PDB file of N, CA and C in Angstrom:
ATOM      1  N   MET A   1       1.110  -1.413   0.210  1.00  0.00           N
ATOM      2  CA  MET A   1      -0.208   0.173   0.136  1.00  0.00           C
ATOM      3  C   MET A   1       0.962   1.147  -0.210  1.00  0.00           C
ATOM      4  N   ALA A   2       0.557   2.057  -1.111  1.00  0.00           N
ATOM      5  CA  ALA A   2       1.748   3.130  -1.179  1.00  0.00           C
ATOM      6  C   ALA A   2       1.105   4.499  -0.562  1.00  0.00           C
ATOM      7  N   LEU A   3       2.104   5.260   0.587  1.00  0.00           N
ATOM      8  CA  LEU A   3       1.467   6.426   0.905  1.00  0.00           C
ATOM      9  C   LEU A   3       1.488   7.673   0.361  1.00  0.00           C
ATOM     10  N   HIS A   4       0.648   8.550   0.232  1.00  0.00           N
ATOM     11  CA  HIS A   4       0.492   9.618  -0.574  1.00  0.00           C
ATOM     12  C   HIS A   4       0.785  10.828   0.121  1.00  0.00           C
ATOM     13  N   ALA A   5       1.660  11.571   0.244  1.00  0.00           N
ATOM     14  CA  ALA A   5       2.221  12.548   1.125  1.00  0.00           C
ATOM     15  C   ALA A   5       0.994  13.674   0.422  1.00  0.00           C
ATOM     16  N   LYS A   6       0.460  14.245   1.752  1.00  0.00           N
ATOM     17  CA  LYS A   6      -0.546  15.465   1.632  1.00  0.00           C
ATOM     18  C   LYS A   6       0.210  16.529   0.697  1.00  0.00           C
ATOM     19  N   THR A   7       0.015  17.272  -0.177  1.00  0.00           N
ATOM     20  CA  THR A   7       0.449  18.468  -0.528  1.00  0.00           C
ATOM     21  C   THR A   7      -0.640  19.545  -0.047  1.00  0.00           C
ATOM     22  N   THR A   8       0.344  20.611   0.213  1.00  0.00           N
ATOM     23  CA  THR A   8      -0.036  21.703   0.710  1.00  0.00           C
ATOM     24  C   THR A   8      -0.399  22.844   0.039  1.00  0.00           C
ATOM     25  N   SER A   9      -1.284  23.399  -0.131  1.00  0.00           N
ATOM     26  CA  SER A   9      -1.768  24.416  -0.968  1.00  0.00           C
ATOM     27  C   SER A   9      -1.547  25.972  -0.293  1.00  0.00           C
ATOM     28  N   LYS A  10      -1.116  26.990  -0.976  1.00  0.00           N
ATOM     29  CA  LYS A  10      -0.902  28.339  -0.587  1.00  0.00           C
ATOM     30  C   LYS A  10      -2.486  28.623   0.420  1.00  0.00           C
ATOM     31  N   ARG A  11      -3.340  28.021  -0.118  1.00  0.00           N
ATOM     32  CA  ARG A  11      -4.560  28.357   1.058  1.00  0.00           C
ATOM     33  C   ARG A  11      -4.365  27.798   2.312  1.00  0.00           C
ATOM     34  N   ASP A  12      -3.725  26.723   2.201  1.00  0.00           N
ATOM     35  CA  ASP A  12      -3.564  26.130   3.644  1.00  0.00           C
ATOM     36  C   ASP A  12      -2.816  26.746   4.390  1.00  0.00           C
ATOM     37  N   VAL A  13      -2.017  27.689   3.943  1.00  0.00           N
ATOM     38  CA  VAL A  13      -0.795  28.160   4.638  1.00  0.00           C
ATOM     39  C   VAL A  13      -0.924  29.834   4.593  1.00  0.00           C
ATOM     40  N   LEU A  14      -1.489  30.527   3.778  1.00  0.00           N
ATOM     41  CA  LEU A  14      -1.393  31.764   3.985  1.00  0.00           C
ATOM     42  C   LEU A  14      -2.763  32.284   4.272  1.00  0.00           C
ATOM     43  N   PRO A  15      -2.691  33.241   5.025  1.00  0.00           N
ATOM     44  CA  PRO A  15      -4.153  33.757   5.756  1.00  0.00           C
ATOM     45  C   PRO A  15      -5.272  34.393   4.813  1.00  0.00           C
ATOM     46  N   MET A  16      -6.621  33.727   4.752  1.00  0.00           N
ATOM     47  CA  MET A  16      -7.534  34.474   3.528  1.00  0.00           C
ATOM     48  C   MET A  16      -7.251  35.767   3.538  1.00  0.00           C
ATOM     49  N   LYS A  17      -6.946  36.892   2.645  1.00  0.00           N
ATOM     50  CA  LYS A  17      -7.191  37.702   2.813  1.00  0.00           C
ATOM     51  C   LYS A  17      -8.776  38.680   2.431  1.00  0.00           C
ATOM     52  N   ARG A  18      -8.977  39.390   3.564  1.00  0.00           N
ATOM     53  CA  ARG A  18     -10.406  39.890   3.197  1.00  0.00           C
ATOM     54  C   ARG A  18     -10.501  41.128   2.265  1.00  0.00           C
ATOM     55  N   LYS A  19     -11.762  41.113   1.358  1.00  0.00           N
ATOM     56  CA  LYS A  19     -11.718  42.075   0.534  1.00  0.00           C
ATOM     57  C   LYS A  19     -12.011  43.852   1.192  1.00  0.00           C
ATOM     58  N   ARG A  20     -11.571  44.289   1.182  1.00  0.00           N
ATOM     59  CA  ARG A  20     -11.935  45.755   1.505  1.00  0.00           C
ATOM     60  C   ARG A  20     -13.793  45.738   1.592  1.00  0.00           C
ATOM     61  N   PRO A  21     -14.459  46.116   2.624  1.00  0.00           N
ATOM     62  CA  PRO A  21     -15.797  46.338   2.379  1.00  0.00           C
ATOM     63  C   PRO A  21     -16.217  47.062   1.525  1.00  0.00           C
ATOM     64  N   GLU A  22     -17.406  46.552   1.002  1.00  0.00           N
ATOM     65  CA  GLU A  22     -18.017  47.956   0.021  1.00  0.00           C
ATOM     66  C   GLU A  22     -18.519  49.404   0.905  1.00  0.00           C
ATOM     67  N   ALA A  23     -18.413  50.584   0.560  1.00  0.00           N
ATOM     68  CA  ALA A  23     -18.846  51.586   1.624  1.00  0.00           C
ATOM     69  C   ALA A  23     -20.172  51.602   1.810  1.00  0.00           C
ATOM     70  N   LEU A  24     -19.985  52.199   3.194  1.00  0.00           N
ATOM     71  CA  LEU A  24     -21.450  52.566   3.471  1.00  0.00           C
ATOM     72  C   LEU A  24     -21.937  53.643   3.249  1.00  0.00           C
ATOM     73  N   THR A  25     -23.431  53.786   2.800  1.00  0.00           N
ATOM     74  CA  THR A  25     -24.409  55.080   3.121  1.00  0.00           C
ATOM     75  C   THR A  25     -24.179  55.911   4.109  1.00  0.00           C
ATOM     76  N   GLU A  26     -24.494  57.110   3.846  1.00  0.00           N
ATOM     77  CA  GLU A  26     -24.245  57.727   5.265  1.00  0.00           C
ATOM     78  C   GLU A  26     -25.426  57.358   6.161  1.00  0.00           C
ATOM     79  N   ARG A  27     -26.651  57.467   5.913  1.00  0.00           N
ATOM     80  CA  ARG A  27     -27.431  56.506   6.667  1.00  0.00           C
ATOM     81  C   ARG A  27     -26.469  55.546   7.901  1.00  0.00           C
ATOM     82  N   GLU A  28     -26.250  54.491   7.001  1.00  0.00           N
ATOM     83  CA  GLU A  28     -25.647  53.119   7.366  1.00  0.00           C
ATOM     84  C   GLU A  28     -24.644  53.540   8.550  1.00  0.00           C
ATOM     85  N   GLN A  29     -23.776  54.705   8.167  1.00  0.00           N
ATOM     86  CA  GLN A  29     -22.867  55.325   8.979  1.00  0.00           C
ATOM     87  C   GLN A  29     -23.441  55.476   9.906  1.00  0.00           C
ATOM     88  N   GLU A  30     -24.379  56.285   9.982  1.00  0.00           N
ATOM     89  CA  GLU A  30     -25.345  56.905  11.332  1.00  0.00           C
ATOM     90  C   GLU A  30     -25.777  55.757  11.898  1.00  0.00           C
ATOM     91  N   VAL A  31     -26.529  54.782  11.481  1.00  0.00           N
ATOM     92  CA  VAL A  31     -26.853  53.871  12.541  1.00  0.00           C
ATOM     93  C   VAL A  31     -25.694  52.874  13.134  1.00  0.00           C
ATOM     94  N   LEU A  32     -24.583  52.711  12.524  1.00  0.00           N
ATOM     95  CA  LEU A  32     -23.207  52.273  13.223  1.00  0.00           C
ATOM     96  C   LEU A  32     -22.659  52.944  14.188  1.00  0.00           C
ATOM     97  N   GLN A  33     -22.856  53.806  13.896  1.00  0.00           N
ATOM     98  CA  GLN A  33     -22.713  54.923  15.193  1.00  0.00           C
ATOM     99  C   GLN A  33     -23.496  54.922  16.232  1.00  0.00           C
ATOM    100  N   LEU A  34     -24.934  54.872  16.132  1.00  0.00           N
ATOM    101  CA  LEU A  34     -25.529  54.208  17.087  1.00  0.00           C
ATOM    102  C   LEU A  34     -25.605  53.187  17.962  1.00  0.00           C
ATOM    103  N   ILE A  35     -25.470  52.345  16.828  1.00  0.00           N
ATOM    104  CA  ILE A  35     -25.355  50.845  17.531  1.00  0.00           C
ATOM    105  C   ILE A  35     -24.193  50.707  18.411  1.00  0.00           C
ATOM    106  N   TRP A  36     -23.112  51.644  18.066  1.00  0.00           N
ATOM    107  CA  TRP A  36     -21.916  51.276  18.521  1.00  0.00           C
ATOM    108  C   TRP A  36     -21.779  52.091  19.792  1.00  0.00           C
ATOM    109  N   ALA A  37     -22.899  53.073  20.383  1.00  0.00           N
ATOM    110  CA  ALA A  37     -23.217  54.014  21.174  1.00  0.00           C
ATOM    111  C   ALA A  37     -24.147  53.101  22.293  1.00  0.00           C
ATOM    112  N   GLY A  38     -24.437  51.934  21.658  1.00  0.00           N
ATOM    113  CA  GLY A  38     -25.617  50.878  22.709  1.00  0.00           C
ATOM    114  C   GLY A  38     -26.996  50.698  22.380  1.00  0.00           C
ATOM    115  N   LEU A  39     -27.562  51.704  21.459  1.00  0.00           N
ATOM    116  CA  LEU A  39     -28.741  51.994  21.282  1.00  0.00           C
ATOM    117  C   LEU A  39     -29.383  50.633  20.518  1.00  0.00           C
ATOM    118  N   LYS A  40     -30.692  50.266  21.075  1.00  0.00           N
ATOM    119  CA  LYS A  40     -31.155  48.786  20.268  1.00  0.00           C
ATOM    120  C   LYS A  40     -31.989  49.740  19.340  1.00  0.00           C
ATOM    121  N   SER A  41     -32.255  48.870  17.984  1.00  0.00           N
ATOM    122  CA  SER A  41     -33.018  49.230  16.973  1.00  0.00           C
ATOM    123  C   SER A  41     -34.256  49.748  17.499  1.00  0.00           C
ATOM    124  N   LYS A  42     -35.047  49.902  18.130  1.00  0.00           N
ATOM    125  CA  LYS A  42     -36.235  50.724  18.783  1.00  0.00           C
ATOM    126  C   LYS A  42     -35.638  51.984  18.805  1.00  0.00           C
ATOM    127  N   GLU A  43     -34.798  52.376  19.891  1.00  0.00           N
ATOM    128  CA  GLU A  43     -34.239  53.667  19.999  1.00  0.00           C
ATOM    129  C   GLU A  43     -33.626  54.552  18.743  1.00  0.00           C
ATOM    130  N   ILE A  44     -32.827  53.761  17.767  1.00  0.00           N
ATOM    131  CA  ILE A  44     -31.876  54.291  16.854  1.00  0.00           C
ATOM    132  C   ILE A  44     -33.581  54.816  15.891  1.00  0.00           C
ATOM    133  N   ALA A  45     -34.381  53.979  15.895  1.00  0.00           N
ATOM    134  CA  ALA A  45     -35.508  54.321  15.017  1.00  0.00           C
ATOM    135  C   ALA A  45     -36.500  55.516  15.192  1.00  0.00           C
ATOM    136  N   GLN A  46     -36.058  55.777  16.723  1.00  0.00           N
ATOM    137  CA  GLN A  46     -36.981  56.911  17.368  1.00  0.00           C
ATOM    138  C   GLN A  46     -36.211  58.045  16.958  1.00  0.00           C
ATOM    139  N   ARG A  47     -34.724  57.773  16.896  1.00  0.00           N
ATOM    140  CA  ARG A  47     -33.842  59.235  16.786  1.00  0.00           C
ATOM    141  C   ARG A  47     -33.679  59.496  15.438  1.00  0.00           C
ATOM    142  N   LEU A  48     -33.636  58.486  14.556  1.00  0.00           N
ATOM    143  CA  LEU A  48     -33.659  58.777  13.118  1.00  0.00           C
ATOM    144  C   LEU A  48     -34.914  59.177  12.965  1.00  0.00           C
ATOM    145  N   LYS A  49     -35.832  58.896  13.124  1.00  0.00           N
ATOM    146  CA  LYS A  49     -37.120  59.124  12.600  1.00  0.00           C
ATOM    147  C   LYS A  49     -37.700  58.009  11.586  1.00  0.00           C
ATOM    148  N   ILE A  50     -37.269  56.910  11.449  1.00  0.00           N
ATOM    149  CA  ILE A  50     -37.624  55.974  10.819  1.00  0.00           C
ATOM    150  C   ILE A  50     -38.274  54.782  11.353  1.00  0.00           C
ATOM    151  N   SER A  51     -38.388  53.732  10.460  1.00  0.00           N
ATOM    152  CA  SER A  51     -39.388  52.369  11.213  1.00  0.00           C
ATOM    153  C   SER A  51     -38.089  51.730  11.938  1.00  0.00           C
ATOM    154  N   VAL A  52     -38.136  50.637  12.577  1.00  0.00           N
ATOM    155  CA  VAL A  52     -37.609  49.874  13.455  1.00  0.00           C
ATOM    156  C   VAL A  52     -37.101  48.620  11.988  1.00  0.00           C
ATOM    157  N   LYS A  53     -38.037  48.710  11.282  1.00  0.00           N
ATOM    158  CA  LYS A  53     -37.846  47.408   9.855  1.00  0.00           C
ATOM    159  C   LYS A  53     -36.649  48.085   9.418  1.00  0.00           C
ATOM    160  N   THR A  54     -36.841  49.416   9.111  1.00  0.00           N
ATOM    161  CA  THR A  54     -35.410  50.085   8.133  1.00  0.00           C
ATOM    162  C   THR A  54     -34.450  49.814   8.811  1.00  0.00           C
ATOM    163  N   VAL A  55     -34.301  50.145  10.187  1.00  0.00           N
ATOM    164  CA  VAL A  55     -32.864  50.200  11.048  1.00  0.00           C
ATOM    165  C   VAL A  55     -32.348  48.373  10.528  1.00  0.00           C
ATOM    166  N   GLU A  56     -33.340  47.616  11.155  1.00  0.00           N
ATOM    167  CA  GLU A  56     -32.761  46.140  10.913  1.00  0.00           C
ATOM    168  C   GLU A  56     -32.342  46.183   9.213  1.00  0.00           C
ATOM    169  N   ALA A  57     -33.302  46.560   8.146  1.00  0.00           N
ATOM    170  CA  ALA A  57     -32.467  46.431   7.271  1.00  0.00           C
ATOM    171  C   ALA A  57     -31.152  47.372   6.454  1.00  0.00           C
ATOM    172  N   HIS A  58     -30.930  48.392   7.617  1.00  0.00           N
ATOM    173  CA  HIS A  58     -29.703  49.102   7.409  1.00  0.00           C
ATOM    174  C   HIS A  58     -28.432  48.040   7.848  1.00  0.00           C
ATOM    175  N   ARG A  59     -28.781  47.135   9.110  1.00  0.00           N
ATOM    176  CA  ARG A  59     -27.811  46.288  10.077  1.00  0.00           C
ATOM    177  C   ARG A  59     -27.627  45.408   8.929  1.00  0.00           C
ATOM    178  N   ALA A  60     -28.549  44.675   8.254  1.00  0.00           N
ATOM    179  CA  ALA A  60     -28.222  43.334   7.314  1.00  0.00           C
ATOM    180  C   ALA A  60     -27.505  44.020   6.360  1.00  0.00           C
ATOM    181  N   ASN A  61     -27.735  45.120   5.724  1.00  0.00           N
ATOM    182  CA  ASN A  61     -27.120  45.549   4.287  1.00  0.00           C
ATOM    183  C   ASN A  61     -25.662  45.632   4.964  1.00  0.00           C
ATOM    184  N   MET A  62     -25.448  46.336   6.219  1.00  0.00           N
ATOM    185  CA  MET A  62     -24.066  46.472   6.491  1.00  0.00           C
ATOM    186  C   MET A  62     -23.377  45.337   7.081  1.00  0.00           C
ATOM    187  N   MET A  63     -23.910  44.536   7.477  1.00  0.00           N
ATOM    188  CA  MET A  63     -23.721  42.914   7.855  1.00  0.00           C
ATOM    189  C   MET A  63     -23.154  42.136   6.165  1.00  0.00           C
ATOM    190  N   LYS A  64     -23.922  42.297   5.621  1.00  0.00           N
ATOM    191  CA  LYS A  64     -23.593  41.782   3.947  1.00  0.00           C
ATOM    192  C   LYS A  64     -22.134  42.329   3.431  1.00  0.00           C
ATOM    193  N   LYS A  65     -22.063  43.423   3.480  1.00  0.00           N
ATOM    194  CA  LYS A  65     -20.896  44.796   2.827  1.00  0.00           C
ATOM    195  C   LYS A  65     -20.059  44.093   3.588  1.00  0.00           C
ATOM    196  N   VAL A  66     -19.851  43.983   4.948  1.00  0.00           N
ATOM    197  CA  VAL A  66     -18.748  43.976   5.824  1.00  0.00           C
ATOM    198  C   VAL A  66     -18.230  42.456   5.740  1.00  0.00           C
ATOM    199  N   ARG A  67     -19.161  41.725   5.188  1.00  0.00           N
ATOM    200  CA  ARG A  67     -19.369  40.224   5.114  1.00  0.00           C
ATOM    201  C   ARG A  67     -19.091  39.560   6.701  1.00  0.00           C
ATOM    202  N   VAL A  68     -19.890  40.055   7.920  1.00  0.00           N
ATOM    203  CA  VAL A  68     -20.068  39.418   9.100  1.00  0.00           C
ATOM    204  C   VAL A  68     -21.560  38.588   9.161  1.00  0.00           C
ATOM    205  N   SER A  69     -21.573  38.192  10.330  1.00  0.00           N
ATOM    206  CA  SER A  69     -23.156  37.506  10.289  1.00  0.00           C
ATOM    207  C   SER A  69     -23.604  37.856  12.052  1.00  0.00           C
ATOM    208  N   ASN A  70     -23.270  38.793  12.373  1.00  0.00           N
ATOM    209  CA  ASN A  70     -23.793  39.762  13.737  1.00  0.00           C
ATOM    210  C   ASN A  70     -23.259  40.814  14.173  1.00  0.00           C
ATOM    211  N   ALA A  71     -24.149  41.233  15.416  1.00  0.00           N
ATOM    212  CA  ALA A  71     -23.593  43.035  15.503  1.00  0.00           C
ATOM    213  C   ALA A  71     -22.091  42.954  16.223  1.00  0.00           C
ATOM    214  N   ALA A  72     -21.823  42.000  16.829  1.00  0.00           N
ATOM    215  CA  ALA A  72     -20.599  41.880  17.507  1.00  0.00           C
ATOM    216  C   ALA A  72     -19.452  42.008  16.474  1.00  0.00           C
ATOM    217  N   GLN A  73     -19.534  41.215  15.273  1.00  0.00           N
ATOM    218  CA  GLN A  73     -18.381  40.887  14.564  1.00  0.00           C
ATOM    219  C   GLN A  73     -18.669  42.557  13.493  1.00  0.00           C
ATOM    220  N   LEU A  74     -19.584  42.746  13.254  1.00  0.00           N
ATOM    221  CA  LEU A  74     -20.156  44.209  12.828  1.00  0.00           C
ATOM    222  C   LEU A  74     -19.056  45.300  13.218  1.00  0.00           C
ATOM    223  N   LEU A  75     -19.582  45.134  14.703  1.00  0.00           N
ATOM    224  CA  LEU A  75     -18.552  46.296  15.603  1.00  0.00           C
ATOM    225  C   LEU A  75     -17.044  46.359  15.053  1.00  0.00           C
ATOM    226  N   ASN A  76     -16.648  44.801  15.287  1.00  0.00           N
ATOM    227  CA  ASN A  76     -15.434  44.415  15.504  1.00  0.00           C
ATOM    228  C   ASN A  76     -14.444  44.830  13.938  1.00  0.00           C
ATOM    229  N   ALA A  77     -15.225  44.825  12.818  1.00  0.00           N
ATOM    230  CA  ALA A  77     -14.726  44.842  11.719  1.00  0.00           C
ATOM    231  C   ALA A  77     -14.754  46.569  11.379  1.00  0.00           C
ATOM    232  N   ALA A  78     -15.974  46.952  11.945  1.00  0.00           N
ATOM    233  CA  ALA A  78     -15.940  48.375  11.649  1.00  0.00           C
ATOM    234  C   ALA A  78     -14.495  49.129  12.628  1.00  0.00           C
ATOM    235  N   ILE A  79     -14.226  48.732  13.593  1.00  0.00           N
ATOM    236  CA  ILE A  79     -13.199  49.351  14.162  1.00  0.00           C
ATOM    237  C   ILE A  79     -12.364  49.333  13.605  1.00  0.00           C
ATOM    238  N   GLN A  80     -11.538  47.833  12.770  1.00  0.00           N
ATOM    239  CA  GLN A  80     -10.593  47.047  12.459  1.00  0.00           C
ATOM    240  C   GLN A  80     -10.314  48.452  10.893  1.00  0.00           C
ATOM    241  N   GLU A  81     -11.512  48.378  10.278  1.00  0.00           N
ATOM    242  CA  GLU A  81     -11.475  49.082   8.868  1.00  0.00           C
ATOM    243  C   GLU A  81     -11.715  50.738   9.008  1.00  0.00           C
ATOM    244  N   GLY A  82     -11.997  51.354  10.490  1.00  0.00           N
ATOM    245  CA  GLY A  82     -11.886  52.726  10.548  1.00  0.00           C
ATOM    246  C   GLY A  82     -13.164  52.819  10.100  1.00  0.00           C
ATOM    247  N   LEU A  83     -14.344  52.321  10.213  1.00  0.00           N
ATOM    248  CA  LEU A  83     -15.600  52.665   9.637  1.00  0.00           C
ATOM    249  C   LEU A  83     -16.152  53.516  10.941  1.00  0.00           C
ATOM    250  N   ILE A  84     -15.939  53.514  12.159  1.00  0.00           N
ATOM    251  CA  ILE A  84     -16.600  54.224  13.379  1.00  0.00           C
ATOM    252  C   ILE A  84     -15.771  54.964  13.929  1.00  0.00           C
ATOM    253  N   GLN A  85     -16.001  55.772  14.665  1.00  0.00           N
ATOM    254  CA  GLN A  85     -15.107  56.955  15.280  1.00  0.00           C
ATOM    255  C   GLN A  85     -15.492  56.329  17.057  1.00  0.00           C
ATOM    256  N   ILE A  86     -14.410  55.786  17.770  1.00  0.00           N
ATOM    257  CA  ILE A  86     -14.295  55.794  18.753  1.00  0.00           C
ATOM    258  C   ILE A  86     -13.781  57.177  19.472  1.00  0.00           C
ATOM    259  N   ARG A  87     -14.655  57.235  20.669  1.00  0.00           N
ATOM    260  CA  ARG A  87     -14.413  58.511  21.242  1.00  0.00           C
ATOM    261  C   ARG A  87     -13.705  58.591  22.424  1.00  0.00           C
TER     262      ARG A  87
END
């Protein structure tokens, strides 16, 4: 029985490069800042005079653009990419 050596590809060795996220709209940036400030969707909606569904749509669009699956990852990526201002 012959043993086959496993070949290592560049993908196995090099870390995956994340493509730069698509630019956020001004409104998405506003929503992101308010998420960072700790506001809930309802509070963001009231402050921006938009519906909760619209806030949730902005959050979903941002997560898609930044390629993450939850709000914590969104904030982490936003910090790393300089998308939010830390005060």
